[in-house]
């Protein structure tokens, strides 16, 4: 169930506000899964002894080389103006009702067309948020050190085996 008391994550880019999609549809989940596979990050794992910064760089490099970075952003964001309006509080608006693959493509094209240096800086931060999203939701698996080679997910808001907070991306000491 959606937590309506939590503040929605928003990003203003080029004068438009984009929401991070919290409640997806099956269609969106499948579209995102395909985009993650195309990006080559579904099975990407931190190597034993690899520094978190090196892994983050390798992850970013993989996504950039795949050409799927803007598509991934389009999967995770939607224009605020596309959010369905609801008049009854017991049925809050759900972004998944409005999301379409065409909207993802339009969002990706819009973000890709930004030119102002300050907008590009915002997009770079958004890309980091995207990478953190994949860590936080277990999309990128971390290999357990020692006893097992099976991938393990790291719960949101916890520290990975390498000491990186999965929400903030900050290294713990």
Protein backbone atom coordinates (compact mmCIF):
# COMPACT_ATOMS: atom_id res chain seq x y z
CA UNK A 1 0.00 0.00 0.00
CA UNK A 2 1.23 3.48 -0.82
CA UNK A 3 2.42 5.62 2.06
CA UNK A 4 0.63 8.91 1.42
CA UNK A 5 2.37 10.63 4.34
CA UNK A 6 5.79 10.28 2.69
CA UNK A 7 7.01 13.15 0.57
CA UNK A 8 7.27 12.39 -3.15
CA UNK A 9 10.68 12.66 -4.71
CA UNK A 10 10.66 15.32 -7.43
CA UNK A 11 13.25 16.64 -9.88
CA UNK A 12 12.89 19.94 -11.73
CA UNK A 13 14.63 19.78 -15.09
CA UNK A 14 14.42 22.50 -17.70
CA UNK A 15 11.42 24.04 -15.96
CA UNK A 16 9.42 20.80 -15.84
CA UNK A 17 8.85 18.74 -12.73
CA UNK A 18 9.38 14.99 -12.88
CA UNK A 19 8.25 12.53 -10.22
CA UNK A 20 10.04 9.37 -9.25
CA UNK A 21 7.54 6.61 -9.93
CA UNK A 22 6.73 4.73 -6.76
CA UNK A 23 3.80 2.56 -7.83
CA UNK A 24 4.46 0.85 -11.12
CA UNK A 25 2.30 -1.33 -13.31
CA UNK A 26 3.23 -4.76 -14.61
CA UNK A 27 3.82 -3.20 -18.03
CA UNK A 28 6.26 -0.71 -16.54
CA UNK A 29 8.03 -3.40 -14.50
CA UNK A 30 8.56 -5.47 -17.65
CA UNK A 31 9.71 -2.42 -19.62
CA UNK A 32 12.19 -1.55 -16.87
CA UNK A 33 13.42 -5.14 -16.68
CA UNK A 34 14.10 -5.09 -20.43
CA UNK A 35 15.94 -1.76 -20.11
CA UNK A 36 18.06 -3.11 -17.24
CA UNK A 37 18.97 -6.17 -19.31
CA UNK A 38 19.82 -4.00 -22.32
CA UNK A 39 22.01 -1.89 -20.02
CA UNK A 40 23.84 -5.03 -18.92
CA UNK A 41 23.39 -4.41 -15.21
CA UNK A 42 21.09 -7.24 -14.11
CA UNK A 43 23.96 -9.57 -13.28
CA UNK A 44 26.62 -6.99 -12.53
CA UNK A 45 28.28 -7.75 -9.19
CA UNK A 46 30.92 -6.14 -7.07
CA UNK A 47 34.05 -8.22 -7.30
CA UNK A 48 35.79 -9.47 -4.21
CA UNK A 49 38.20 -6.76 -3.07
CA UNK A 50 36.77 -4.16 -5.47
CA UNK A 51 36.43 -0.71 -3.89
CA UNK A 52 32.87 0.68 -3.90
CA UNK A 53 34.04 3.69 -5.91
CA UNK A 54 35.55 1.40 -8.55
CA UNK A 55 32.36 -0.65 -8.73
CA UNK A 56 30.24 2.51 -9.07
CA UNK A 57 32.50 3.67 -11.90
CA UNK A 58 32.24 0.27 -13.61
CA UNK A 59 28.45 0.32 -13.19
CA UNK A 60 28.19 3.81 -14.66
CA UNK A 61 30.52 2.85 -17.52
CA UNK A 62 28.40 -0.23 -18.28
CA UNK A 63 25.18 1.79 -18.40
CA UNK A 64 26.68 4.60 -20.48
CA UNK A 65 28.26 2.18 -22.99
CA UNK A 66 24.93 0.37 -23.39
CA UNK A 67 23.17 3.53 -24.54
CA UNK A 68 20.33 2.77 -22.11
CA UNK A 69 20.91 5.48 -19.51
CA UNK A 70 18.22 7.87 -20.74
CA UNK A 71 15.80 4.98 -21.26
CA UNK A 72 16.33 3.94 -17.63
CA UNK A 73 15.62 7.50 -16.48
CA UNK A 74 12.45 7.46 -18.60
CA UNK A 75 11.38 4.25 -16.88
CA UNK A 76 11.77 5.71 -13.41
CA UNK A 77 10.44 9.25 -13.92
CA UNK A 78 7.27 10.79 -15.24
CA UNK A 79 6.20 14.39 -15.82
CA UNK A 80 4.23 15.69 -12.86
CA UNK A 81 1.57 17.10 -15.20
CA UNK A 82 0.80 13.54 -16.38
CA UNK A 83 -0.10 12.36 -12.87
CA UNK A 84 -3.82 11.53 -12.76
CA UNK A 85 -5.86 13.95 -10.66
CA UNK A 86 -8.04 12.50 -7.93
CA UNK A 87 -10.69 14.24 -5.91
CA UNK A 88 -11.13 11.59 -3.24
CA UNK A 89 -8.40 11.25 -0.63
CA UNK A 90 -9.08 7.55 -0.08
CA UNK A 91 -7.98 6.84 -3.65
CA UNK A 92 -4.77 8.83 -4.17
CA UNK A 93 -3.44 9.37 -7.66
CA UNK A 94 -1.15 6.58 -8.84
CA UNK A 95 1.49 7.37 -11.39
CA UNK A 96 1.44 3.84 -12.77
CA UNK A 97 -2.02 4.50 -14.15
CA UNK A 98 -0.62 7.16 -16.48
CA UNK A 99 2.81 5.75 -17.34
CA UNK A 100 3.31 4.38 -20.85
CA UNK A 101 6.36 3.29 -22.86
CA UNK A 102 5.73 6.35 -25.05
CA UNK A 103 5.91 8.58 -21.97
CA UNK A 104 9.20 6.93 -21.01
CA UNK A 105 10.58 7.67 -24.49
CA UNK A 106 9.36 11.28 -24.33
CA UNK A 107 10.90 11.74 -20.87
CA UNK A 108 14.21 10.26 -22.07
CA UNK A 109 14.21 12.52 -25.15
CA UNK A 110 13.39 15.60 -23.07
CA UNK A 111 16.17 14.91 -20.56
CA UNK A 112 18.60 14.09 -23.37
CA UNK A 113 17.86 17.42 -25.04
CA UNK A 114 18.71 19.62 -22.05
CA UNK A 115 21.55 22.02 -22.86
CA UNK A 116 22.10 24.46 -19.99
CA UNK A 117 25.11 23.63 -17.80
CA UNK A 118 23.02 23.81 -14.62
CA UNK A 119 20.51 21.37 -16.10
CA UNK A 120 23.28 18.99 -17.10
CA UNK A 121 24.57 19.14 -13.52
CA UNK A 122 21.08 18.20 -12.27
CA UNK A 123 20.99 15.27 -14.70
CA UNK A 124 24.37 14.05 -13.42
CA UNK A 125 22.93 14.04 -9.89
CA UNK A 126 19.86 12.24 -11.20
CA UNK A 127 22.11 9.60 -12.77
CA UNK A 128 23.73 9.03 -9.38
CA UNK A 129 20.25 8.72 -7.87
CA UNK A 130 19.47 6.15 -10.56
CA UNK A 131 22.50 4.08 -9.64
CA UNK A 132 21.57 4.30 -5.95
CA UNK A 133 18.04 3.21 -6.90
CA UNK A 134 19.42 0.02 -8.40
CA UNK A 135 21.50 -0.67 -5.30
CA UNK A 136 18.58 0.07 -2.98
CA UNK A 137 16.15 -2.15 -4.85
CA UNK A 138 18.51 -5.08 -5.22
CA UNK A 139 18.76 -4.82 -8.99
CA UNK A 140 22.52 -4.84 -8.86
CA UNK A 141 23.61 -7.74 -6.72
CA UNK A 142 26.53 -7.86 -4.38
CA UNK A 143 28.49 -11.09 -4.16
CA UNK A 144 28.81 -12.40 -0.63
CA UNK A 145 32.39 -12.64 0.46
CA UNK A 146 33.56 -15.97 1.70
CA UNK A 147 31.02 -18.76 2.00
CA UNK A 148 28.74 -18.39 -0.98
CA UNK A 149 28.90 -17.15 -4.51
CA UNK A 150 25.13 -16.69 -4.68
CA UNK A 151 24.05 -13.08 -5.19
CA UNK A 152 22.49 -11.30 -2.26
CA UNK A 153 20.42 -8.16 -2.20
CA UNK A 154 21.11 -5.33 0.17
CA UNK A 155 17.99 -3.95 1.88
CA UNK A 156 17.24 -0.26 1.44
CA UNK A 157 18.90 1.95 4.03
CA UNK A 158 21.47 -0.61 5.11
CA UNK A 159 25.18 -0.86 4.47
CA UNK A 160 26.52 -3.10 1.77
CA UNK A 161 29.35 -5.53 2.56
CA UNK A 162 31.68 -2.93 1.06
CA UNK A 163 30.42 -0.32 3.55
CA UNK A 164 28.34 1.87 1.24
CA UNK A 165 24.95 3.06 2.47
CA UNK A 166 22.45 1.86 -0.14
CA UNK A 167 20.26 4.95 0.07
CA UNK A 168 22.84 7.73 0.23
CA UNK A 169 25.78 6.00 -1.43
CA UNK A 170 28.02 7.30 1.36
CA UNK A 171 30.84 5.12 2.59
CA UNK A 172 30.67 4.20 6.25
CA UNK A 173 33.79 4.32 8.34
